[in-house]
């Protein structure tokens, strides 16, 4: 299982993950850490991967917040009647 971790931990692979993919992988990392039984080295690698995946999810969410704010501002600028 360590093979999946090391091959999936490159920055390029993180950048190409959708929010859903990053979240799914993060949930898998958390499950493995909670289950225990991993060596210290593997646990540290999982933790680092989890941190990177959490950051990727946060980046996606921040981008979505900005897009929503932009859309909201644009609709307000067009003179749309408040509801």
PDB file of N, CA and C in Angstrom:
ATOM      1  N   UNK A   1       0.819  -1.197   0.000  1.00  0.00           N
ATOM      2  CA  UNK A   1       0.000   0.000   0.000  1.00  0.00           C
ATOM      3  C   UNK A   1       0.855   1.251   0.000  1.00  0.00           C
ATOM      4  N   UNK A   2       2.091   1.122   0.407  1.00  0.00           N
ATOM      5  CA  UNK A   2       2.989   2.258   0.392  1.00  0.00           C
ATOM      6  C   UNK A   2       3.257   2.709  -1.030  1.00  0.00           C
ATOM      7  N   UNK A   3       3.224   1.781  -1.997  1.00  0.00           N
ATOM      8  CA  UNK A   3       3.466   2.135  -3.384  1.00  0.00           C
ATOM      9  C   UNK A   3       2.476   3.183  -3.859  1.00  0.00           C
ATOM     10  N   UNK A   4       1.196   3.023  -3.541  1.00  0.00           N
ATOM     11  CA  UNK A   4       0.190   4.002  -3.920  1.00  0.00           C
ATOM     12  C   UNK A   4       0.513   5.367  -3.361  1.00  0.00           C
ATOM     13  N   UNK A   5       0.960   5.387  -2.122  1.00  0.00           N
ATOM     14  CA  UNK A   5       1.282   6.650  -1.475  1.00  0.00           C
ATOM     15  C   UNK A   5       2.403   7.369  -2.170  1.00  0.00           C
ATOM     16  N   UNK A   6       3.506   6.665  -2.423  1.00  0.00           N
ATOM     17  CA  UNK A   6       4.664   7.333  -2.987  1.00  0.00           C
ATOM     18  C   UNK A   6       4.404   7.754  -4.419  1.00  0.00           C
ATOM     19  N   UNK A   7       3.688   6.954  -5.189  1.00  0.00           N
ATOM     20  CA  UNK A   7       3.430   7.331  -6.574  1.00  0.00           C
ATOM     21  C   UNK A   7       2.391   8.433  -6.675  1.00  0.00           C
ATOM     22  N   UNK A   8       1.537   8.562  -5.680  1.00  0.00           N
ATOM     23  CA  UNK A   8       0.478   9.570  -5.740  1.00  0.00           C
ATOM     24  C   UNK A   8       0.846  10.854  -5.008  1.00  0.00           C
ATOM     25  N   UNK A   9       2.076  10.952  -4.512  1.00  0.00           N
ATOM     26  CA  UNK A   9       2.407  12.108  -3.697  1.00  0.00           C
ATOM     27  C   UNK A   9       3.132  13.205  -4.454  1.00  0.00           C
ATOM     28  N   UNK A  10       3.324  13.054  -5.751  1.00  0.00           N
ATOM     29  CA  UNK A  10       4.014  14.100  -6.490  1.00  0.00           C
ATOM     30  C   UNK A  10       3.125  15.326  -6.622  1.00  0.00           C
ATOM     31  N   UNK A  11       3.747  16.508  -6.641  1.00  0.00           N
ATOM     32  CA  UNK A  11       2.953  17.742  -6.743  1.00  0.00           C
ATOM     33  C   UNK A  11       2.075  17.770  -7.989  1.00  0.00           C
ATOM     34  N   UNK A  12       2.572  17.225  -9.090  1.00  0.00           N
ATOM     35  CA  UNK A  12       1.770  17.236 -10.311  1.00  0.00           C
ATOM     36  C   UNK A  12       0.478  16.462 -10.123  1.00  0.00           C
ATOM     37  N   UNK A  13       0.544  15.326  -9.439  1.00  0.00           N
ATOM     38  CA  UNK A  13      -0.668  14.537  -9.260  1.00  0.00           C
ATOM     39  C   UNK A  13      -1.660  15.265  -8.362  1.00  0.00           C
ATOM     40  N   UNK A  14      -1.168  16.011  -7.373  1.00  0.00           N
ATOM     41  CA  UNK A  14      -2.069  16.788  -6.529  1.00  0.00           C
ATOM     42  C   UNK A  14      -2.748  17.888  -7.326  1.00  0.00           C
ATOM     43  N   UNK A  15      -2.001  18.555  -8.168  1.00  0.00           N
ATOM     44  CA  UNK A  15      -2.554  19.653  -8.957  1.00  0.00           C
ATOM     45  C   UNK A  15      -3.634  19.189  -9.921  1.00  0.00           C
ATOM     46  N   UNK A  16      -3.562  17.949 -10.330  1.00  0.00           N
ATOM     47  CA  UNK A  16      -4.540  17.451 -11.294  1.00  0.00           C
ATOM     48  C   UNK A  16      -5.786  16.853 -10.638  1.00  0.00           C
ATOM     49  N   UNK A  17      -5.798  16.766  -9.298  1.00  0.00           N
ATOM     50  CA  UNK A  17      -6.941  16.169  -8.605  1.00  0.00           C
ATOM     51  C   UNK A  17      -8.117  17.137  -8.535  1.00  0.00           C
ATOM     52  N   UNK A  18      -9.298  16.611  -8.797  1.00  0.00           N
ATOM     53  CA  UNK A  18     -10.508  17.394  -8.562  1.00  0.00           C
ATOM     54  C   UNK A  18     -10.742  17.446  -7.056  1.00  0.00           C
ATOM     55  N   UNK A  19     -11.653  18.309  -6.644  1.00  0.00           N
ATOM     56  CA  UNK A  19     -11.989  18.389  -5.226  1.00  0.00           C
ATOM     57  C   UNK A  19     -12.452  17.025  -4.708  1.00  0.00           C
ATOM     58  N   UNK A  20     -13.327  16.386  -5.465  1.00  0.00           N
ATOM     59  CA  UNK A  20     -13.890  15.105  -5.026  1.00  0.00           C
ATOM     60  C   UNK A  20     -12.809  14.037  -4.907  1.00  0.00           C
ATOM     61  N   UNK A  21     -11.871  14.011  -5.859  1.00  0.00           N
ATOM     62  CA  UNK A  21     -10.784  13.030  -5.814  1.00  0.00           C
ATOM     63  C   UNK A  21      -9.887  13.278  -4.609  1.00  0.00           C
ATOM     64  N   UNK A  22      -9.541  14.544  -4.372  1.00  0.00           N
ATOM     65  CA  UNK A  22      -8.682  14.878  -3.230  1.00  0.00           C
ATOM     66  C   UNK A  22      -9.379  14.531  -1.917  1.00  0.00           C
ATOM     67  N   UNK A  23     -10.663  14.842  -1.820  1.00  0.00           N
ATOM     68  CA  UNK A  23     -11.414  14.540  -0.593  1.00  0.00           C
ATOM     69  C   UNK A  23     -11.478  13.034  -0.362  1.00  0.00           C
ATOM     70  N   UNK A  24     -11.725  12.277  -1.420  1.00  0.00           N
ATOM     71  CA  UNK A  24     -11.810  10.819  -1.310  1.00  0.00           C
ATOM     72  C   UNK A  24     -10.477  10.235  -0.848  1.00  0.00           C
ATOM     73  N   UNK A  25      -9.388  10.712  -1.441  1.00  0.00           N
ATOM     74  CA  UNK A  25      -8.072  10.234  -1.025  1.00  0.00           C
ATOM     75  C   UNK A  25      -7.776  10.629   0.416  1.00  0.00           C
ATOM     76  N   UNK A  26      -8.166  11.832   0.798  1.00  0.00           N
ATOM     77  CA  UNK A  26      -7.957  12.290   2.177  1.00  0.00           C
ATOM     78  C   UNK A  26      -8.714  11.404   3.158  1.00  0.00           C
ATOM     79  N   UNK A  27      -9.932  11.049   2.829  1.00  0.00           N
ATOM     80  CA  UNK A  27     -10.711  10.166   3.707  1.00  0.00           C
ATOM     81  C   UNK A  27     -10.026   8.803   3.830  1.00  0.00           C
ATOM     82  N   UNK A  28      -9.434   8.322   2.741  1.00  0.00           N
ATOM     83  CA  UNK A  28      -8.697   7.060   2.792  1.00  0.00           C
ATOM     84  C   UNK A  28      -7.474   7.144   3.695  1.00  0.00           C
ATOM     85  N   UNK A  29      -6.764   8.253   3.604  1.00  0.00           N
ATOM     86  CA  UNK A  29      -5.589   8.461   4.456  1.00  0.00           C
ATOM     87  C   UNK A  29      -6.001   8.493   5.921  1.00  0.00           C
ATOM     88  N   UNK A  30      -7.054   9.227   6.225  1.00  0.00           N
ATOM     89  CA  UNK A  30      -7.532   9.319   7.607  1.00  0.00           C
ATOM     90  C   UNK A  30      -7.934   7.930   8.115  1.00  0.00           C
ATOM     91  N   UNK A  31      -8.634   7.175   7.298  1.00  0.00           N
ATOM     92  CA  UNK A  31      -9.047   5.819   7.701  1.00  0.00           C
ATOM     93  C   UNK A  31      -7.842   4.945   8.013  1.00  0.00           C
ATOM     94  N   UNK A  32      -6.829   5.024   7.166  1.00  0.00           N
ATOM     95  CA  UNK A  32      -5.627   4.206   7.388  1.00  0.00           C
ATOM     96  C   UNK A  32      -4.906   4.629   8.655  1.00  0.00           C
ATOM     97  N   UNK A  33      -4.832   5.933   8.894  1.00  0.00           N
ATOM     98  CA  UNK A  33      -4.170   6.396  10.115  1.00  0.00           C
ATOM     99  C   UNK A  33      -4.964   5.987  11.356  1.00  0.00           C
ATOM    100  N   UNK A  34      -6.277   6.095  11.287  1.00  0.00           N
ATOM    101  CA  UNK A  34      -7.113   5.718  12.429  1.00  0.00           C
ATOM    102  C   UNK A  34      -7.061   4.228  12.707  1.00  0.00           C
ATOM    103  N   UNK A  35      -6.900   3.418  11.664  1.00  0.00           N
ATOM    104  CA  UNK A  35      -6.858   1.968  11.825  1.00  0.00           C
ATOM    105  C   UNK A  35      -5.599   1.535  12.559  1.00  0.00           C
ATOM    106  N   UNK A  36      -4.541   2.329  12.451  1.00  0.00           N
ATOM    107  CA  UNK A  36      -3.284   1.985  13.112  1.00  0.00           C
ATOM    108  C   UNK A  36      -2.583   0.846  12.399  1.00  0.00           C
ATOM    109  N   UNK A  37      -1.539   0.351  13.005  1.00  0.00           N
ATOM    110  CA  UNK A  37      -0.814  -0.780  12.457  1.00  0.00           C
ATOM    111  C   UNK A  37       0.268  -0.411  11.452  1.00  0.00           C
ATOM    112  N   UNK A  38       0.343   0.842  11.057  1.00  0.00           N
ATOM    113  CA  UNK A  38       1.370   1.259  10.113  1.00  0.00           C
ATOM    114  C   UNK A  38       2.648   1.573  10.876  1.00  0.00           C
ATOM    115  N   UNK A  39       3.768   1.395  10.201  1.00  0.00           N
ATOM    116  CA  UNK A  39       5.040   1.757  10.815  1.00  0.00           C
ATOM    117  C   UNK A  39       5.091   3.271  11.002  1.00  0.00           C
ATOM    118  N   UNK A  40       6.027   3.717  11.795  1.00  0.00           N
ATOM    119  CA  UNK A  40       6.185   5.152  12.016  1.00  0.00           C
ATOM    120  C   UNK A  40       6.471   5.862  10.701  1.00  0.00           C
ATOM    121  N   UNK A  41       7.345   5.296   9.906  1.00  0.00           N
ATOM    122  CA  UNK A  41       7.693   5.912   8.624  1.00  0.00           C
ATOM    123  C   UNK A  41       6.475   6.010   7.710  1.00  0.00           C
ATOM    124  N   UNK A  42       5.700   4.941   7.632  1.00  0.00           N
ATOM    125  CA  UNK A  42       4.497   4.949   6.799  1.00  0.00           C
ATOM    126  C   UNK A  42       3.460   5.931   7.344  1.00  0.00           C
ATOM    127  N   UNK A  43       3.318   5.976   8.660  1.00  0.00           N
ATOM    128  CA  UNK A  43       2.375   6.907   9.275  1.00  0.00           C
ATOM    129  C   UNK A  43       2.744   8.351   8.964  1.00  0.00           C
ATOM    130  N   UNK A  44       4.037   8.660   9.028  1.00  0.00           N
ATOM    131  CA  UNK A  44       4.487  10.013   8.705  1.00  0.00           C
ATOM    132  C   UNK A  44       4.220  10.346   7.238  1.00  0.00           C
ATOM    133  N   UNK A  45       4.452   9.383   6.355  1.00  0.00           N
ATOM    134  CA  UNK A  45       4.187   9.600   4.930  1.00  0.00           C
ATOM    135  C   UNK A  45       2.690   9.817   4.694  1.00  0.00           C
ATOM    136  N   UNK A  46       1.870   9.041   5.382  1.00  0.00           N
ATOM    137  CA  UNK A  46       0.425   9.210   5.265  1.00  0.00           C
ATOM    138  C   UNK A  46      -0.003  10.581   5.788  1.00  0.00           C
ATOM    139  N   UNK A  47       0.574  10.988   6.912  1.00  0.00           N
ATOM    140  CA  UNK A  47       0.244  12.290   7.495  1.00  0.00           C
ATOM    141  C   UNK A  47       0.590  13.407   6.512  1.00  0.00           C
ATOM    142  N   UNK A  48       1.784  13.331   5.940  1.00  0.00           N
ATOM    143  CA  UNK A  48       2.215  14.352   4.979  1.00  0.00           C
ATOM    144  C   UNK A  48       1.297  14.382   3.761  1.00  0.00           C
ATOM    145  N   UNK A  49       0.927  13.216   3.285  1.00  0.00           N
ATOM    146  CA  UNK A  49       0.004  13.137   2.146  1.00  0.00           C
ATOM    147  C   UNK A  49      -1.344  13.748   2.529  1.00  0.00           C
ATOM    148  N   UNK A  50      -1.808  13.431   3.728  1.00  0.00           N
ATOM    149  CA  UNK A  50      -3.071  13.984   4.194  1.00  0.00           C
ATOM    150  C   UNK A  50      -3.037  15.498   4.281  1.00  0.00           C
ATOM    151  N   UNK A  51      -1.938  16.048   4.772  1.00  0.00           N
ATOM    152  CA  UNK A  51      -1.792  17.504   4.836  1.00  0.00           C
ATOM    153  C   UNK A  51      -1.858  18.119   3.441  1.00  0.00           C
ATOM    154  N   UNK A  52      -1.173  17.498   2.487  1.00  0.00           N
ATOM    155  CA  UNK A  52      -1.171  18.016   1.117  1.00  0.00           C
ATOM    156  C   UNK A  52      -2.564  17.914   0.493  1.00  0.00           C
ATOM    157  N   UNK A  53      -3.261  16.823   0.761  1.00  0.00           N
ATOM    158  CA  UNK A  53      -4.614  16.655   0.233  1.00  0.00           C
ATOM    159  C   UNK A  53      -5.580  17.655   0.868  1.00  0.00           C
ATOM    160  N   UNK A  54      -5.440  17.892   2.174  1.00  0.00           N
ATOM    161  CA  UNK A  54      -6.292  18.873   2.853  1.00  0.00           C
ATOM    162  C   UNK A  54      -6.061  20.263   2.260  1.00  0.00           C
ATOM    163  N   UNK A  55      -4.818  20.594   1.972  1.00  0.00           N
ATOM    164  CA  UNK A  55      -4.496  21.886   1.358  1.00  0.00           C
ATOM    165  C   UNK A  55      -5.124  21.982  -0.021  1.00  0.00           C
ATOM    166  N   UNK A  56      -5.078  20.908  -0.779  1.00  0.00           N
ATOM    167  CA  UNK A  56      -5.682  20.891  -2.119  1.00  0.00           C
ATOM    168  C   UNK A  56      -7.189  21.127  -2.010  1.00  0.00           C
ATOM    169  N   UNK A  57      -7.842  20.489  -1.057  1.00  0.00           N
ATOM    170  CA  UNK A  57      -9.277  20.690  -0.854  1.00  0.00           C
ATOM    171  C   UNK A  57      -9.566  22.136  -0.470  1.00  0.00           C
ATOM    172  N   UNK A  58      -8.769  22.691   0.428  1.00  0.00           N
ATOM    173  CA  UNK A  58      -8.953  24.092   0.826  1.00  0.00           C
ATOM    174  C   UNK A  58      -8.782  25.028  -0.363  1.00  0.00           C
ATOM    175  N   UNK A  59      -7.799  24.749  -1.209  1.00  0.00           N
ATOM    176  CA  UNK A  59      -7.583  25.577  -2.405  1.00  0.00           C
ATOM    177  C   UNK A  59      -8.811  25.544  -3.315  1.00  0.00           C
ATOM    178  N   UNK A  60      -9.370  24.354  -3.503  1.00  0.00           N
ATOM    179  CA  UNK A  60     -10.577  24.219  -4.324  1.00  0.00           C
ATOM    180  C   UNK A  60     -11.729  25.018  -3.713  1.00  0.00           C
ATOM    181  N   UNK A  61     -11.918  24.872  -2.418  1.00  0.00           N
ATOM    182  CA  UNK A  61     -13.021  25.567  -1.759  1.00  0.00           C
ATOM    183  C   UNK A  61     -12.841  27.078  -1.804  1.00  0.00           C
ATOM    184  N   UNK A  62     -11.626  27.547  -1.619  1.00  0.00           N
ATOM    185  CA  UNK A  62     -11.370  28.982  -1.695  1.00  0.00           C
ATOM    186  C   UNK A  62     -11.649  29.503  -3.105  1.00  0.00           C
ATOM    187  N   UNK A  63     -11.262  28.729  -4.104  1.00  0.00           N
ATOM    188  CA  UNK A  63     -11.564  29.116  -5.481  1.00  0.00           C
ATOM    189  C   UNK A  63     -13.065  29.188  -5.723  1.00  0.00           C
ATOM    190  N   UNK A  64     -13.795  28.244  -5.167  1.00  0.00           N
ATOM    191  CA  UNK A  64     -15.252  28.251  -5.323  1.00  0.00           C
ATOM    192  C   UNK A  64     -15.864  29.461  -4.625  1.00  0.00           C
ATOM    193  N   UNK A  65     -15.358  29.799  -3.437  1.00  0.00           N
ATOM    194  CA  UNK A  65     -15.862  30.984  -2.726  1.00  0.00           C
ATOM    195  C   UNK A  65     -15.642  32.252  -3.549  1.00  0.00           C
ATOM    196  N   UNK A  66     -14.462  32.360  -4.143  1.00  0.00           N
ATOM    197  CA  UNK A  66     -14.151  33.540  -4.954  1.00  0.00           C
ATOM    198  C   UNK A  66     -15.053  33.617  -6.179  1.00  0.00           C
ATOM    199  N   UNK A  67     -15.285  32.479  -6.826  1.00  0.00           N
ATOM    200  CA  UNK A  67     -16.165  32.461  -8.002  1.00  0.00           C
ATOM    201  C   UNK A  67     -17.584  32.862  -7.627  1.00  0.00           C
ATOM    202  N   UNK A  68     -18.066  32.368  -6.489  1.00  0.00           N
ATOM    203  CA  UNK A  68     -19.404  32.735  -6.036  1.00  0.00           C
ATOM    204  C   UNK A  68     -19.496  34.223  -5.723  1.00  0.00           C
ATOM    205  N   UNK A  69     -18.469  34.753  -5.066  1.00  0.00           N
ATOM    206  CA  UNK A  69     -18.461  36.177  -4.738  1.00  0.00           C
ATOM    207  C   UNK A  69     -18.445  37.016  -6.018  1.00  0.00           C
ATOM    208  N   UNK A  70     -17.665  36.598  -7.001  1.00  0.00           N
ATOM    209  CA  UNK A  70     -17.602  37.314  -8.273  1.00  0.00           C
ATOM    210  C   UNK A  70     -18.952  37.281  -8.975  1.00  0.00           C
ATOM    211  N   UNK A  71     -19.586  36.115  -8.981  1.00  0.00           N
ATOM    212  CA  UNK A  71     -20.898  35.986  -9.621  1.00  0.00           C
ATOM    213  C   UNK A  71     -21.935  36.833  -8.886  1.00  0.00           C
ATOM    214  N   UNK A  72     -21.873  36.825  -7.568  1.00  0.00           N
ATOM    215  CA  UNK A  72     -22.808  37.621  -6.779  1.00  0.00           C
ATOM    216  C   UNK A  72     -22.605  39.112  -7.049  1.00  0.00           C
ATOM    217  N   UNK A  73     -21.367  39.545  -7.076  1.00  0.00           N
ATOM    218  CA  UNK A  73     -21.058  40.946  -7.359  1.00  0.00           C
ATOM    219  C   UNK A  73     -21.504  41.327  -8.764  1.00  0.00           C
ATOM    220  N   UNK A  74     -21.307  40.441  -9.723  1.00  0.00           N
ATOM    221  CA  UNK A  74     -21.701  40.725 -11.109  1.00  0.00           C
ATOM    222  C   UNK A  74     -23.224  40.857 -11.215  1.00  0.00           C
ATOM    223  N   UNK A  75     -23.956  40.010 -10.498  1.00  0.00           N
ATOM    224  CA  UNK A  75     -25.416  40.097 -10.576  1.00  0.00           C
ATOM    225  C   UNK A  75     -25.907  41.365  -9.873  1.00  0.00           C
ATOM    226  N   UNK A  76     -25.220  41.793  -8.845  1.00  0.00           N
ATOM    227  CA  UNK A  76     -25.573  43.037  -8.169  1.00  0.00           C
ATOM    228  C   UNK A  76     -25.263  44.236  -9.054  1.00  0.00           C
ATOM    229  N   UNK A  77     -24.197  44.178  -9.824  1.00  0.00           N
ATOM    230  CA  UNK A  77     -23.812  45.277 -10.696  1.00  0.00           C
ATOM    231  C   UNK A  77     -24.745  45.442 -11.887  1.00  0.00           C
ATOM    232  N   UNK A  78     -25.424  44.375 -12.272  1.00  0.00           N
ATOM    233  CA  UNK A  78     -26.312  44.470 -13.442  1.00  0.00           C
ATOM    234  C   UNK A  78     -27.670  45.060 -13.076  1.00  0.00           C
ATOM    235  N   UNK A  79     -27.840  45.403 -11.818  1.00  0.00           N
ATOM    236  CA  UNK A  79     -29.065  46.020 -11.399  1.00  0.00           C
ATOM    237  C   UNK A  79     -30.185  45.049 -11.142  1.00  0.00           C
ATOM    238  N   UNK A  80     -29.841  43.818 -10.869  1.00  0.00           N
ATOM    239  CA  UNK A  80     -30.880  42.839 -10.573  1.00  0.00           C
ATOM    240  C   UNK A  80     -31.638  43.282  -9.320  1.00  0.00           C
ATOM    241  N   UNK A  81     -32.921  43.130  -9.365  1.00  0.00           N
ATOM    242  CA  UNK A  81     -33.749  43.542  -8.226  1.00  0.00           C
ATOM    243  C   UNK A  81     -33.499  42.628  -7.057  1.00  0.00           C
ATOM    244  N   UNK A  82     -33.285  43.182  -5.868  1.00  0.00           N
ATOM    245  CA  UNK A  82     -33.089  42.331  -4.687  1.00  0.00           C
ATOM    246  C   UNK A  82     -34.355  41.537  -4.380  1.00  0.00           C
ATOM    247  N   UNK A  83     -34.140  40.352  -3.879  1.00  0.00           N
ATOM    248  CA  UNK A  83     -35.285  39.486  -3.577  1.00  0.00           C
ATOM    249  C   UNK A  83     -35.567  39.437  -2.129  1.00  0.00           C
TER     250      UNK A  83
END
